[in-house]
């Protein structure tokens, strides 16, 4: 039977890595690496679903909507 429950809003940071392939004729191919960190949020959520067997594992790859311009105030 489905369980209804709420998740509180959470703001946290993520690290990102970007690799750009840079090549000009007559030059070696270069990999330009950039990294940065930014905050984003998971707004509060009410939903229902079947009971968890392993909550950490089942929520590990769950999708969320992120507002990168306003990480602490995303509508959803």
C-alpha atoms as a PDB file:
ATOM      1  CA  UNK A   1       0.000   0.000   0.000  1.00  0.00           C
ATOM      2  CA  UNK A   2       1.320   3.474  -0.910  1.00  0.00           C
ATOM      3  CA  UNK A   3       2.666   5.680   1.867  1.00  0.00           C
ATOM      4  CA  UNK A   4       2.181   9.468   1.789  1.00  0.00           C
ATOM      5  CA  UNK A   5       4.948  11.616   3.244  1.00  0.00           C
ATOM      6  CA  UNK A   6       6.887  14.874   2.894  1.00  0.00           C
ATOM      7  CA  UNK A   7      10.493  15.789   2.185  1.00  0.00           C
ATOM      8  CA  UNK A   8      11.853  19.079   3.548  1.00  0.00           C
ATOM      9  CA  UNK A   9      13.511  21.599   1.225  1.00  0.00           C
ATOM     10  CA  UNK A  10      17.288  21.158   0.989  1.00  0.00           C
ATOM     11  CA  UNK A  11      20.048  23.348  -0.484  1.00  0.00           C
ATOM     12  CA  UNK A  12      23.379  21.717  -1.245  1.00  0.00           C
ATOM     13  CA  UNK A  13      26.426  22.104  -3.486  1.00  0.00           C
ATOM     14  CA  UNK A  14      27.580  20.082  -6.469  1.00  0.00           C
ATOM     15  CA  UNK A  15      31.010  19.980  -8.084  1.00  0.00           C
ATOM     16  CA  UNK A  16      31.167  19.980 -11.878  1.00  0.00           C
ATOM     17  CA  UNK A  17      34.004  19.184 -14.261  1.00  0.00           C
ATOM     18  CA  UNK A  18      34.096  20.268 -17.908  1.00  0.00           C
ATOM     19  CA  UNK A  19      36.586  19.080 -20.514  1.00  0.00           C
ATOM     20  CA  UNK A  20      36.999  20.982 -23.772  1.00  0.00           C
ATOM     21  CA  UNK A  21      38.921  19.547 -26.713  1.00  0.00           C
ATOM     22  CA  UNK A  22      41.081  22.346 -28.090  1.00  0.00           C
ATOM     23  CA  UNK A  23      42.705  21.841 -31.497  1.00  0.00           C
ATOM     24  CA  UNK A  24      44.257  24.118 -34.067  1.00  0.00           C
ATOM     25  CA  UNK A  25      45.691  22.816 -37.333  1.00  0.00           C
ATOM     26  CA  UNK A  26      49.350  21.948 -36.903  1.00  0.00           C
ATOM     27  CA  UNK A  27      49.110  21.792 -33.089  1.00  0.00           C
ATOM     28  CA  UNK A  28      48.604  18.911 -30.689  1.00  0.00           C
ATOM     29  CA  UNK A  29      45.116  18.253 -29.384  1.00  0.00           C
ATOM     30  CA  UNK A  30      44.761  19.729 -25.901  1.00  0.00           C
ATOM     31  CA  UNK A  31      42.239  18.979 -23.191  1.00  0.00           C
ATOM     32  CA  UNK A  32      41.253  22.082 -21.248  1.00  0.00           C
ATOM     33  CA  UNK A  33      39.765  21.150 -17.881  1.00  0.00           C
ATOM     34  CA  UNK A  34      37.617  23.472 -15.788  1.00  0.00           C
ATOM     35  CA  UNK A  35      35.872  22.751 -12.509  1.00  0.00           C
ATOM     36  CA  UNK A  36      33.425  24.693 -10.393  1.00  0.00           C
ATOM     37  CA  UNK A  37      30.947  24.219  -7.600  1.00  0.00           C
ATOM     38  CA  UNK A  38      27.513  25.724  -7.203  1.00  0.00           C
ATOM     39  CA  UNK A  39      24.563  25.423  -4.866  1.00  0.00           C
ATOM     40  CA  UNK A  40      21.150  24.256  -5.897  1.00  0.00           C
ATOM     41  CA  UNK A  41      18.037  23.181  -4.159  1.00  0.00           C
ATOM     42  CA  UNK A  42      15.507  20.444  -3.781  1.00  0.00           C
ATOM     43  CA  UNK A  43      12.212  22.158  -2.879  1.00  0.00           C
ATOM     44  CA  UNK A  44       9.880  20.643  -0.305  1.00  0.00           C
ATOM     45  CA  UNK A  45       7.862  17.771  -1.742  1.00  0.00           C
ATOM     46  CA  UNK A  46       4.792  15.766  -0.723  1.00  0.00           C
ATOM     47  CA  UNK A  47       4.193  12.477  -2.476  1.00  0.00           C
ATOM     48  CA  UNK A  48       3.177   8.880  -2.004  1.00  0.00           C
ATOM     49  CA  UNK A  49       4.718   5.622  -3.153  1.00  0.00           C
ATOM     50  CA  UNK A  50       5.176   2.035  -2.149  1.00  0.00           C
ATOM     51  CA  UNK A  51       7.176   1.584   1.084  1.00  0.00           C
ATOM     52  CA  UNK A  52      10.964   1.649   0.757  1.00  0.00           C
ATOM     53  CA  UNK A  53      13.033  -1.482   1.077  1.00  0.00           C
ATOM     54  CA  UNK A  54      16.331   0.492   1.100  1.00  0.00           C
ATOM     55  CA  UNK A  55      15.681   4.262   1.222  1.00  0.00           C
ATOM     56  CA  UNK A  56      19.277   5.395   0.635  1.00  0.00           C
ATOM     57  CA  UNK A  57      19.684   3.181  -2.421  1.00  0.00           C
ATOM     58  CA  UNK A  58      16.243   3.967  -3.858  1.00  0.00           C
ATOM     59  CA  UNK A  59      16.662   7.769  -3.577  1.00  0.00           C
ATOM     60  CA  UNK A  60      20.307   7.819  -4.725  1.00  0.00           C
ATOM     61  CA  UNK A  61      19.586   8.640  -8.383  1.00  0.00           C
ATOM     62  CA  UNK A  62      16.230  10.374  -8.011  1.00  0.00           C
ATOM     63  CA  UNK A  63      15.682  13.312 -10.379  1.00  0.00           C
ATOM     64  CA  UNK A  64      15.073  16.823  -9.098  1.00  0.00           C
ATOM     65  CA  UNK A  65      14.343  20.196 -10.650  1.00  0.00           C
ATOM     66  CA  UNK A  66      17.109  22.752 -10.055  1.00  0.00           C
ATOM     67  CA  UNK A  67      16.925  26.522 -10.380  1.00  0.00           C
ATOM     68  CA  UNK A  68      20.576  27.488 -10.934  1.00  0.00           C
ATOM     69  CA  UNK A  69      19.794  31.226 -10.967  1.00  0.00           C
ATOM     70  CA  UNK A  70      18.060  31.103  -7.562  1.00  0.00           C
ATOM     71  CA  UNK A  71      19.228  27.913  -5.821  1.00  0.00           C
ATOM     72  CA  UNK A  72      17.491  28.531  -2.510  1.00  0.00           C
ATOM     73  CA  UNK A  73      14.123  29.586  -3.928  1.00  0.00           C
ATOM     74  CA  UNK A  74      13.200  27.295  -6.806  1.00  0.00           C
ATOM     75  CA  UNK A  75       9.440  26.856  -7.222  1.00  0.00           C
ATOM     76  CA  UNK A  76       9.918  23.170  -8.110  1.00  0.00           C
END
